[in-house]
């Protein structure tokens, strides 16, 4: 796996986004339930453990991301893109780490998340989405960390994916087939064209409706 991926950041970051995203969802889901609802406490536990485990994985994600930032091949445009992603990631991770320690304090005091905690959670969740988008843009738009690109025109790749070049190739193939089918008909038409040869004896074009009249000299008859 190490020989396939340039670094481990793409692996850890998926756990970070998944766990922290689940934590945000369950914090707000539990807040919408009634105070004595049987699922309220369970969903709070779910949110807490997702937040804590997500923060733990995020530490490894940050180290792997920092290593990727300093090792992947890049140009000026991709450097700017991954720098923006790095800055957002650092702020977002710090905010979730603060929420993780705040959640520990809430559990120890046997309390429930209040307005301030939920407000910061909403902000952190929005920043998580933006950071993930910026990371995806750095990879899929700028090619950061990509070791090779697929050769879509290689031999053996004979099915279309609704791409413009696939439609053009299909149209070309259909045109070639139609051209091949029309060739015998064209040959037939060429063979059936009337000949314009002139009969040397009569002076008449045998395939034309126009008759060339050749005047003749009257013979003298001797009696």
Protein backbone atom coordinates (compact mmCIF):
# COMPACT_ATOMS: atom_id res chain seq x y z
CA UNK A 1 0.00 0.00 0.00
CA UNK A 2 2.86 2.37 0.73
CA UNK A 3 4.15 1.84 -2.81
CA UNK A 4 0.72 2.83 -4.21
CA UNK A 5 -0.05 5.89 -2.12
CA UNK A 6 2.43 8.75 -1.85
CA UNK A 7 1.55 9.13 1.85
CA UNK A 8 -1.06 8.10 4.41
CA UNK A 9 -2.96 11.37 4.52
CA UNK A 10 -5.74 10.22 2.12
CA UNK A 11 -6.45 7.28 4.47
CA UNK A 12 -6.60 9.14 7.78
CA UNK A 13 -8.53 12.11 6.41
CA UNK A 14 -11.55 9.96 5.52
CA UNK A 15 -11.87 8.78 9.13
CA UNK A 16 -11.52 12.38 10.32
CA UNK A 17 -14.31 13.63 8.08
CA UNK A 18 -16.57 10.65 8.79
CA UNK A 19 -16.23 10.59 12.58
CA UNK A 20 -16.36 14.34 13.13
CA UNK A 21 -19.25 14.66 10.70
CA UNK A 22 -21.21 11.99 12.58
CA UNK A 23 -20.49 13.79 15.85
CA UNK A 24 -21.99 17.04 14.52
CA UNK A 25 -25.08 15.25 13.22
CA UNK A 26 -25.79 13.41 16.49
CA UNK A 27 -25.20 16.47 18.66
CA UNK A 28 -27.94 18.33 16.81
CA UNK A 29 -30.16 15.25 16.53
CA UNK A 30 -30.07 14.74 20.29
CA UNK A 31 -30.73 18.45 20.87
CA UNK A 32 -33.95 18.19 18.86
CA UNK A 33 -35.31 15.35 20.99
CA UNK A 34 -37.40 15.91 24.06
CA UNK A 35 -35.60 16.01 27.40
CA UNK A 36 -36.97 12.67 28.58
CA UNK A 37 -36.77 10.90 25.23
CA UNK A 38 -35.19 7.45 25.49
CA UNK A 39 -32.80 8.08 22.60
CA UNK A 40 -31.55 11.48 23.73
CA UNK A 41 -28.84 10.19 26.03
CA UNK A 42 -27.81 7.45 23.61
CA UNK A 43 -27.35 9.95 20.80
CA UNK A 44 -25.31 12.20 23.06
CA UNK A 45 -23.03 9.28 23.88
CA UNK A 46 -22.78 8.52 20.17
CA UNK A 47 -21.85 12.13 19.43
CA UNK A 48 -19.26 12.24 22.24
CA UNK A 49 -17.47 9.06 21.24
CA UNK A 50 -17.49 10.05 17.57
CA UNK A 51 -16.00 13.43 18.49
CA UNK A 52 -13.29 11.96 20.72
CA UNK A 53 -12.30 9.22 18.28
CA UNK A 54 -12.40 11.73 15.42
CA UNK A 55 -10.08 14.08 17.31
CA UNK A 56 -7.68 11.21 17.96
CA UNK A 57 -7.55 10.26 14.28
CA UNK A 58 -7.22 13.93 13.33
CA UNK A 59 -3.88 14.11 15.10
CA UNK A 60 -2.51 11.46 12.73
CA UNK A 61 -4.25 13.18 9.83
CA UNK A 62 -2.46 16.44 10.59
CA UNK A 63 0.96 14.80 10.75
CA UNK A 64 0.34 12.91 7.51
CA UNK A 65 -0.99 16.05 5.87
CA UNK A 66 2.03 18.07 6.93
CA UNK A 67 4.30 15.40 5.51
CA UNK A 68 2.34 15.43 2.25
CA UNK A 69 2.51 19.21 2.09
CA UNK A 70 6.30 19.11 2.20
CA UNK A 71 6.90 16.10 -0.07
CA UNK A 72 4.39 15.93 -2.94
CA UNK A 73 5.43 17.30 -6.31
CA UNK A 74 3.64 20.54 -7.16
CA UNK A 75 3.75 23.71 -9.19
CA UNK A 76 2.86 27.28 -8.28
CA UNK A 77 -0.92 26.89 -8.71
CA UNK A 78 -1.12 23.61 -6.79
CA UNK A 79 1.12 25.02 -4.05
CA UNK A 80 -1.36 27.85 -3.50
CA UNK A 81 -4.25 25.36 -3.43
CA UNK A 82 -2.68 23.05 -0.87
CA UNK A 83 -1.60 26.00 1.27
CA UNK A 84 -5.20 27.19 1.52
CA UNK A 85 -6.29 23.64 2.35
CA UNK A 86 -3.59 23.39 5.02
CA UNK A 87 -4.64 26.65 6.70
CA UNK A 88 -8.30 25.65 6.80
CA UNK A 89 -7.40 22.20 8.09
CA UNK A 90 -5.33 23.58 10.97
CA UNK A 91 -8.10 25.94 12.12
CA UNK A 92 -10.81 23.30 11.73
CA UNK A 93 -8.83 20.66 13.61
CA UNK A 94 -8.08 23.11 16.43
CA UNK A 95 -11.76 23.96 16.75
CA UNK A 96 -12.75 20.31 17.00
CA UNK A 97 -10.04 19.64 19.57
CA UNK A 98 -11.49 22.46 21.69
CA UNK A 99 -14.92 20.86 21.32
CA UNK A 100 -13.47 17.51 22.37
CA UNK A 101 -12.13 18.91 25.66
CA UNK A 102 -15.38 20.84 26.20
CA UNK A 103 -17.36 17.62 25.72
CA UNK A 104 -15.24 15.92 28.38
CA UNK A 105 -16.06 18.74 30.79
CA UNK A 106 -19.78 18.49 29.97
CA UNK A 107 -19.84 14.75 30.64
CA UNK A 108 -17.91 15.07 33.91
CA UNK A 109 -20.36 17.68 35.19
CA UNK A 110 -23.29 15.53 34.04
CA UNK A 111 -24.66 18.26 31.80
CA UNK A 112 -26.04 18.46 28.28
CA UNK A 113 -24.61 20.55 25.44
CA UNK A 114 -25.90 24.12 25.51
CA UNK A 115 -26.35 26.83 22.90
CA UNK A 116 -22.69 27.93 22.88
CA UNK A 117 -21.40 24.39 22.42
CA UNK A 118 -23.88 23.69 19.62
CA UNK A 119 -23.09 26.99 17.90
CA UNK A 120 -19.36 26.23 17.84
CA UNK A 121 -20.19 22.70 16.65
CA UNK A 122 -22.17 24.10 13.72
CA UNK A 123 -19.29 26.41 12.76
CA UNK A 124 -16.80 23.55 13.03
CA UNK A 125 -19.03 21.32 10.90
CA UNK A 126 -19.24 23.96 8.17
CA UNK A 127 -15.48 24.43 8.25
CA UNK A 128 -15.04 20.66 7.98
CA UNK A 129 -17.05 20.63 4.75
CA UNK A 130 -15.04 23.52 3.31
CA UNK A 131 -11.74 21.91 4.27
CA UNK A 132 -12.78 18.62 2.67
CA UNK A 133 -13.81 20.42 -0.51
CA UNK A 134 -10.49 22.25 -0.68
CA UNK A 135 -8.63 18.99 -0.21
CA UNK A 136 -10.60 17.34 -2.99
CA UNK A 137 -9.96 20.29 -5.26
CA UNK A 138 -6.22 20.07 -4.61
CA UNK A 139 -6.23 16.43 -5.69
CA UNK A 140 -8.77 16.29 -8.50
CA UNK A 141 -8.22 19.73 -10.02
CA UNK A 142 -4.48 20.16 -9.47
CA UNK A 143 -3.39 16.50 -9.33
CA UNK A 144 -1.55 16.72 -6.00
CA UNK A 145 -0.36 13.33 -4.81
CA UNK A 146 -1.54 11.61 -8.00
CA UNK A 147 1.10 9.18 -9.25
CA UNK A 148 -0.43 8.52 -12.69
CA UNK A 149 -3.43 9.40 -14.82
CA UNK A 150 -5.56 6.85 -16.73
CA UNK A 151 -4.91 6.42 -20.44
CA UNK A 152 -8.49 6.62 -21.72
CA UNK A 153 -7.40 6.00 -25.31
CA UNK A 154 -5.36 2.88 -24.65
CA UNK A 155 -5.89 -0.34 -26.60
CA UNK A 156 -8.66 -2.54 -25.21
CA UNK A 157 -10.68 0.33 -23.75
CA UNK A 158 -13.64 0.00 -26.10
CA UNK A 159 -16.61 1.25 -24.08
CA UNK A 160 -17.87 4.81 -23.74
CA UNK A 161 -18.40 6.82 -20.54
CA UNK A 162 -20.58 9.58 -21.99
CA UNK A 163 -17.49 11.66 -22.68
CA UNK A 164 -17.19 14.08 -25.60
CA UNK A 165 -14.35 12.13 -27.20
CA UNK A 166 -16.38 8.94 -26.90
CA UNK A 167 -19.31 10.52 -28.76
CA UNK A 168 -16.96 11.80 -31.46
CA UNK A 169 -15.41 8.38 -31.87
CA UNK A 170 -18.84 6.74 -32.08
CA UNK A 171 -19.94 9.24 -34.70
CA UNK A 172 -16.78 8.56 -36.68
CA UNK A 173 -17.37 4.81 -36.53
CA UNK A 174 -20.96 5.21 -37.70
CA UNK A 175 -19.82 7.44 -40.56
CA UNK A 176 -17.25 4.85 -41.63
CA UNK A 177 -19.87 2.10 -41.56
CA UNK A 178 -22.28 4.13 -43.65
CA UNK A 179 -19.50 4.95 -46.10
CA UNK A 180 -18.59 1.27 -46.45
CA UNK A 181 -22.22 0.30 -47.04
CA UNK A 182 -22.68 2.96 -49.70
CA UNK A 183 -19.62 2.00 -51.70
CA UNK A 184 -21.29 -0.88 -53.70
CA UNK A 185 -24.19 1.40 -54.63
CA UNK A 186 -21.85 4.08 -55.82
CA UNK A 187 -20.01 1.53 -57.92
CA UNK A 188 -23.28 0.40 -59.42
CA UNK A 189 -24.28 3.93 -60.23
CA UNK A 190 -20.98 4.53 -61.91
CA UNK A 191 -21.42 1.40 -64.03
CA UNK A 192 -24.92 2.41 -65.08
CA UNK A 193 -23.92 5.83 -66.36
CA UNK A 194 -24.60 6.06 -70.11
CA UNK A 195 -21.66 5.81 -72.43
CA UNK A 196 -20.99 8.78 -74.65
CA UNK A 197 -19.19 6.80 -77.35
CA UNK A 198 -20.14 7.59 -80.93
CA UNK A 199 -20.93 4.97 -83.52
CA UNK A 200 -18.30 5.49 -86.16
CA UNK A 201 -20.44 4.18 -89.04
CA UNK A 202 -23.78 5.86 -88.44
CA UNK A 203 -22.60 8.98 -86.63
CA UNK A 204 -25.32 8.41 -84.06
CA UNK A 205 -24.87 8.41 -80.32
CA UNK A 206 -26.49 5.13 -79.35
CA UNK A 207 -27.28 6.23 -75.80
CA UNK A 208 -28.52 9.70 -76.60
CA UNK A 209 -31.87 10.92 -77.86
CA UNK A 210 -30.16 13.48 -80.10
CA UNK A 211 -29.43 12.13 -83.59
CA UNK A 212 -26.77 13.70 -85.68
CA UNK A 213 -27.92 13.84 -89.30
CA UNK A 214 -25.12 13.35 -91.78
CA UNK A 215 -25.92 14.68 -95.26
CA UNK A 216 -25.20 12.32 -98.14
CA UNK A 217 -24.38 13.06 -101.76
CA UNK A 218 -26.94 11.66 -104.26
CA UNK A 219 -25.63 8.97 -106.56
CA UNK A 220 -25.86 9.40 -110.25
CA UNK A 221 -27.69 6.61 -112.04
CA UNK A 222 -26.74 5.82 -115.54
CA UNK A 223 -29.37 4.32 -117.78
